[in-house]
PDB file of N, CA and C in Angstrom:
ATOM      1  N   MET A   1       0.857  -1.146   0.220  1.00  0.00           N
ATOM      2  CA  MET A   1       0.262  -0.126   0.018  1.00  0.00           C
ATOM      3  C   MET A   1       0.829   1.058   0.083  1.00  0.00           C
ATOM      4  N   GLY A   2       2.110   1.342   1.029  1.00  0.00           N
ATOM      5  CA  GLY A   2       2.838   2.203   0.664  1.00  0.00           C
ATOM      6  C   GLY A   2       3.476   2.628  -0.522  1.00  0.00           C
ATOM      7  N   ALA A   3       3.799   1.546  -0.837  1.00  0.00           N
ATOM      8  CA  ALA A   3       4.637   1.513  -2.364  1.00  0.00           C
ATOM      9  C   ALA A   3       3.662   2.239  -3.213  1.00  0.00           C
ATOM     10  N   ALA A   4       2.622   2.023  -3.468  1.00  0.00           N
ATOM     11  CA  ALA A   4       1.573   2.782  -4.435  1.00  0.00           C
ATOM     12  C   ALA A   4       1.166   4.034  -4.109  1.00  0.00           C
ATOM     13  N   LEU A   5       1.348   4.404  -2.859  1.00  0.00           N
ATOM     14  CA  LEU A   5       0.934   5.898  -2.471  1.00  0.00           C
ATOM     15  C   LEU A   5       2.032   6.838  -2.924  1.00  0.00           C
ATOM     16  N   ALA A   6       3.450   5.913  -2.398  1.00  0.00           N
ATOM     17  CA  ALA A   6       4.376   6.818  -3.067  1.00  0.00           C
ATOM     18  C   ALA A   6       4.827   7.081  -4.289  1.00  0.00           C
ATOM     19  N   ARG A   7       4.501   6.179  -5.294  1.00  0.00           N
ATOM     20  CA  ARG A   7       4.287   5.850  -6.655  1.00  0.00           C
ATOM     21  C   ARG A   7       3.406   6.978  -6.960  1.00  0.00           C
ATOM     22  N   ALA A   8       2.230   7.135  -6.684  1.00  0.00           N
ATOM     23  CA  ALA A   8       1.066   8.385  -7.104  1.00  0.00           C
ATOM     24  C   ALA A   8       1.260   9.508  -6.768  1.00  0.00           C
ATOM     25  N   ALA A   9       1.811   9.513  -5.533  1.00  0.00           N
ATOM     26  CA  ALA A   9       2.085  11.077  -5.000  1.00  0.00           C
ATOM     27  C   ALA A   9       3.474  11.417  -6.252  1.00  0.00           C
ATOM     28  N   LEU A  10       4.498  10.937  -5.810  1.00  0.00           N
ATOM     29  CA  LEU A  10       5.558  11.213  -6.945  1.00  0.00           C
ATOM     30  C   LEU A  10       5.272  11.334  -8.585  1.00  0.00           C
ATOM     31  N   ASP A  11       4.432  10.556  -8.771  1.00  0.00           N
ATOM     32  CA  ASP A  11       4.190  10.622 -10.083  1.00  0.00           C
ATOM     33  C   ASP A  11       2.947  12.220 -10.377  1.00  0.00           C
ATOM     34  N   GLU A  12       2.349  12.768  -9.338  1.00  0.00           N
ATOM     35  CA  GLU A  12       1.360  13.729  -9.340  1.00  0.00           C
ATOM     36  C   GLU A  12       2.722  15.191  -9.432  1.00  0.00           C
ATOM     37  N   ALA A  13       3.753  14.677  -8.979  1.00  0.00           N
ATOM     38  CA  ALA A  13       4.658  16.012  -8.593  1.00  0.00           C
ATOM     39  C   ALA A  13       5.465  15.994  -9.921  1.00  0.00           C
ATOM     40  N   ARG A  14       6.039  15.116 -10.652  1.00  0.00           N
ATOM     41  CA  ARG A  14       6.527  14.833 -11.686  1.00  0.00           C
ATOM     42  C   ARG A  14       5.311  15.773 -12.820  1.00  0.00           C
ATOM     43  N   THR A  15       4.115  15.306 -12.772  1.00  0.00           N
ATOM     44  CA  THR A  15       2.607  15.761 -13.696  1.00  0.00           C
ATOM     45  C   THR A  15       2.733  17.464 -13.361  1.00  0.00           C
ATOM     46  N   ALA A  16       3.349  18.119 -12.138  1.00  0.00           N
ATOM     47  CA  ALA A  16       3.163  19.597 -11.696  1.00  0.00           C
ATOM     48  C   ALA A  16       4.537  19.554 -11.975  1.00  0.00           C
ATOM     49  N   ASN A  17       5.507  19.104 -12.119  1.00  0.00           N
ATOM     50  CA  ASN A  17       6.777  19.584 -12.209  1.00  0.00           C
ATOM     51  C   ASN A  17       7.144  20.487 -10.982  1.00  0.00           C
ATOM     52  N   LEU A  18       7.160  19.774 -10.113  1.00  0.00           N
ATOM     53  CA  LEU A  18       7.260  20.361  -8.660  1.00  0.00           C
ATOM     54  C   LEU A  18       8.789  19.048  -8.271  1.00  0.00           C
ATOM     55  N   ARG A  19       9.447  19.576  -7.367  1.00  0.00           N
ATOM     56  CA  ARG A  19      10.694  18.798  -6.491  1.00  0.00           C
ATOM     57  C   ARG A  19       9.901  18.360  -5.180  1.00  0.00           C
ATOM     58  N   VAL A  20      10.599  17.394  -4.550  1.00  0.00           N
ATOM     59  CA  VAL A  20      10.112  16.810  -3.334  1.00  0.00           C
ATOM     60  C   VAL A  20      11.100  17.033  -2.276  1.00  0.00           C
ATOM     61  N   LEU A  21      11.059  17.265  -1.067  1.00  0.00           N
ATOM     62  CA  LEU A  21      11.974  17.235  -0.177  1.00  0.00           C
ATOM     63  C   LEU A  21      11.630  16.062   0.646  1.00  0.00           C
ATOM     64  N   ALA A  22      12.239  15.217   0.588  1.00  0.00           N
ATOM     65  CA  ALA A  22      11.781  13.713   1.496  1.00  0.00           C
ATOM     66  C   ALA A  22      12.257  13.837   2.499  1.00  0.00           C
ATOM     67  N   THR A  23      11.320  14.226   3.704  1.00  0.00           N
ATOM     68  CA  THR A  23      11.882  14.073   4.841  1.00  0.00           C
ATOM     69  C   THR A  23      10.978  12.979   5.684  1.00  0.00           C
ATOM     70  N   CYS A  24      10.306  12.414   4.703  1.00  0.00           N
ATOM     71  CA  CYS A  24       9.380  10.813   5.519  1.00  0.00           C
ATOM     72  C   CYS A  24      10.531  10.065   4.902  1.00  0.00           C
ATOM     73  N   PRO A  25      11.009   9.094   6.169  1.00  0.00           N
ATOM     74  CA  PRO A  25      12.047   8.057   5.698  1.00  0.00           C
ATOM     75  C   PRO A  25      11.416   7.281   4.879  1.00  0.00           C
ATOM     76  N   PHE A  26      10.393   6.933   4.808  1.00  0.00           N
ATOM     77  CA  PHE A  26       9.823   6.048   3.700  1.00  0.00           C
ATOM     78  C   PHE A  26       9.955   6.413   2.559  1.00  0.00           C
ATOM     79  N   ILE A  27       9.371   7.586   2.059  1.00  0.00           N
ATOM     80  CA  ILE A  27       9.506   8.080   0.646  1.00  0.00           C
ATOM     81  C   ILE A  27      11.125   8.289   0.365  1.00  0.00           C
ATOM     82  N   ALA A  28      12.010   9.065   1.592  1.00  0.00           N
ATOM     83  CA  ALA A  28      13.292   8.861   0.950  1.00  0.00           C
ATOM     84  C   ALA A  28      13.646   7.708   0.633  1.00  0.00           C
ATOM     85  N   GLY A  29      13.541   6.044   1.565  1.00  0.00           N
ATOM     86  CA  GLY A  29      14.268   5.196   1.072  1.00  0.00           C
ATOM     87  C   GLY A  29      13.557   4.584  -0.264  1.00  0.00           C
ATOM     88  N   TRP A  30      12.202   5.071  -0.794  1.00  0.00           N
ATOM     89  CA  TRP A  30      11.749   4.501  -1.232  1.00  0.00           C
ATOM     90  C   TRP A  30      12.346   4.845  -2.806  1.00  0.00           C
ATOM     91  N   ILE A  31      12.416   6.533  -2.751  1.00  0.00           N
ATOM     92  CA  ILE A  31      12.943   6.839  -4.019  1.00  0.00           C
ATOM     93  C   ILE A  31      14.560   6.188  -4.148  1.00  0.00           C
ATOM     94  N   ALA A  32      15.040   6.083  -3.058  1.00  0.00           N
ATOM     95  CA  ALA A  32      16.287   5.557  -2.957  1.00  0.00           C
ATOM     96  C   ALA A  32      16.640   4.641  -3.750  1.00  0.00           C
ATOM     97  N   ARG A  33      15.649   3.915  -3.520  1.00  0.00           N
ATOM     98  CA  ARG A  33      15.514   1.895  -4.285  1.00  0.00           C
ATOM     99  C   ARG A  33      14.875   2.575  -5.852  1.00  0.00           C
ATOM    100  N   HIS A  34      14.138   3.560  -6.230  1.00  0.00           N
ATOM    101  CA  HIS A  34      13.695   3.452  -7.115  1.00  0.00           C
ATOM    102  C   HIS A  34      14.463   5.087  -8.098  1.00  0.00           C
ATOM    103  N   PRO A  35      15.655   4.692  -8.986  1.00  0.00           N
ATOM    104  CA  PRO A  35      16.682   5.851  -9.334  1.00  0.00           C
ATOM    105  C   PRO A  35      15.528   6.708 -10.251  1.00  0.00           C
ATOM    106  N   GLU A  36      14.586   6.050 -10.585  1.00  0.00           N
ATOM    107  CA  GLU A  36      13.812   6.736 -11.906  1.00  0.00           C
ATOM    108  C   GLU A  36      12.712   7.920 -11.087  1.00  0.00           C
ATOM    109  N   TYR A  37      12.891   8.017 -10.035  1.00  0.00           N
ATOM    110  CA  TYR A  37      12.258   9.153  -9.176  1.00  0.00           C
ATOM    111  C   TYR A  37      13.067  10.096  -8.627  1.00  0.00           C
ATOM    112  N   GLN A  38      14.332   9.435  -8.497  1.00  0.00           N
ATOM    113  CA  GLN A  38      15.433  10.591  -7.706  1.00  0.00           C
ATOM    114  C   GLN A  38      15.752  11.948  -8.569  1.00  0.00           C
ATOM    115  N   ASP A  39      15.622  12.243  -9.720  1.00  0.00           N
ATOM    116  CA  ASP A  39      15.252  13.484 -10.688  1.00  0.00           C
ATOM    117  C   ASP A  39      14.393  14.551  -9.796  1.00  0.00           C
ATOM    118  N   LEU A  40      13.314  14.132  -9.246  1.00  0.00           N
ATOM    119  CA  LEU A  40      12.258  14.852  -8.268  1.00  0.00           C
ATOM    120  C   LEU A  40      12.911  15.669  -7.328  1.00  0.00           C
ATOM    121  N   LEU A  41      13.805  14.986  -6.616  1.00  0.00           N
ATOM    122  CA  LEU A  41      14.537  15.366  -5.420  1.00  0.00           C
ATOM    123  C   LEU A  41      14.807  16.793  -5.348  1.00  0.00           C
ATOM    124  N   TYR A  42      14.244  17.494  -4.894  1.00  0.00           N
ATOM    125  CA  TYR A  42      14.842  19.098  -4.142  1.00  0.00           C
ATOM    126  C   TYR A  42      16.545  18.977  -3.839  1.00  0.00           C
ATOM    127  N   GLN A  43      17.007  20.197  -4.516  1.00  0.00           N
ATOM    128  CA  GLN A  43      18.500  20.385  -4.793  1.00  0.00           C
ATOM    129  C   GLN A  43      18.414  21.732  -3.802  1.00  0.00           C
ATOM    130  N   SER A  44      19.078  22.048  -2.952  1.00  0.00           N
ATOM    131  CA  SER A  44      19.623  23.346  -2.572  1.00  0.00           C
ATOM    132  C   SER A  44      20.374  23.780  -3.340  1.00  0.00           C
ATOM    133  N   ARG A  45      20.042  25.237  -4.267  1.00  0.00           N
ATOM    134  CA  ARG A  45      20.893  25.431  -5.120  1.00  0.00           C
ATOM    135  C   ARG A  45      21.301  27.168  -4.183  1.00  0.00           C
ATOM    136  N   SER A  46      21.358  27.183  -2.895  1.00  0.00           N
ATOM    137  CA  SER A  46      21.909  28.379  -2.216  1.00  0.00           C
ATOM    138  C   SER A  46      23.321  28.230  -2.179  1.00  0.00           C
ATOM    139  N   ARG A  47      24.146  29.142  -2.116  1.00  0.00           N
ATOM    140  CA  ARG A  47      25.763  28.975  -2.093  1.00  0.00           C
ATOM    141  C   ARG A  47      25.709  29.760  -0.437  1.00  0.00           C
ATOM    142  N   VAL A  48      24.834  30.006  -0.040  1.00  0.00           N
ATOM    143  CA  VAL A  48      24.785  30.924   1.102  1.00  0.00           C
ATOM    144  C   VAL A  48      25.664  30.108   1.754  1.00  0.00           C
ATOM    145  N   SER A  49      26.488  30.628   3.176  1.00  0.00           N
ATOM    146  CA  SER A  49      26.875  29.796   4.238  1.00  0.00           C
ATOM    147  C   SER A  49      27.022  30.912   5.100  1.00  0.00           C
ATOM    148  N   ASP A  50      27.320  30.114   6.693  1.00  0.00           N
ATOM    149  CA  ASP A  50      27.090  31.169   7.864  1.00  0.00           C
ATOM    150  C   ASP A  50      28.641  31.657   8.029  1.00  0.00           C
TER     151      ASP A  50
END
């Protein structure tokens, strides 16, 4: 059930041209096991440092 929900949510994000910040351990692990979804991961582009 979780895999079906993860796939549906990520497919919706892709359709909406959104990026995903995977804070949920299940979603983060699922994406790690499915490299075809890794392009959806949010990548911080900020070069600001403390």
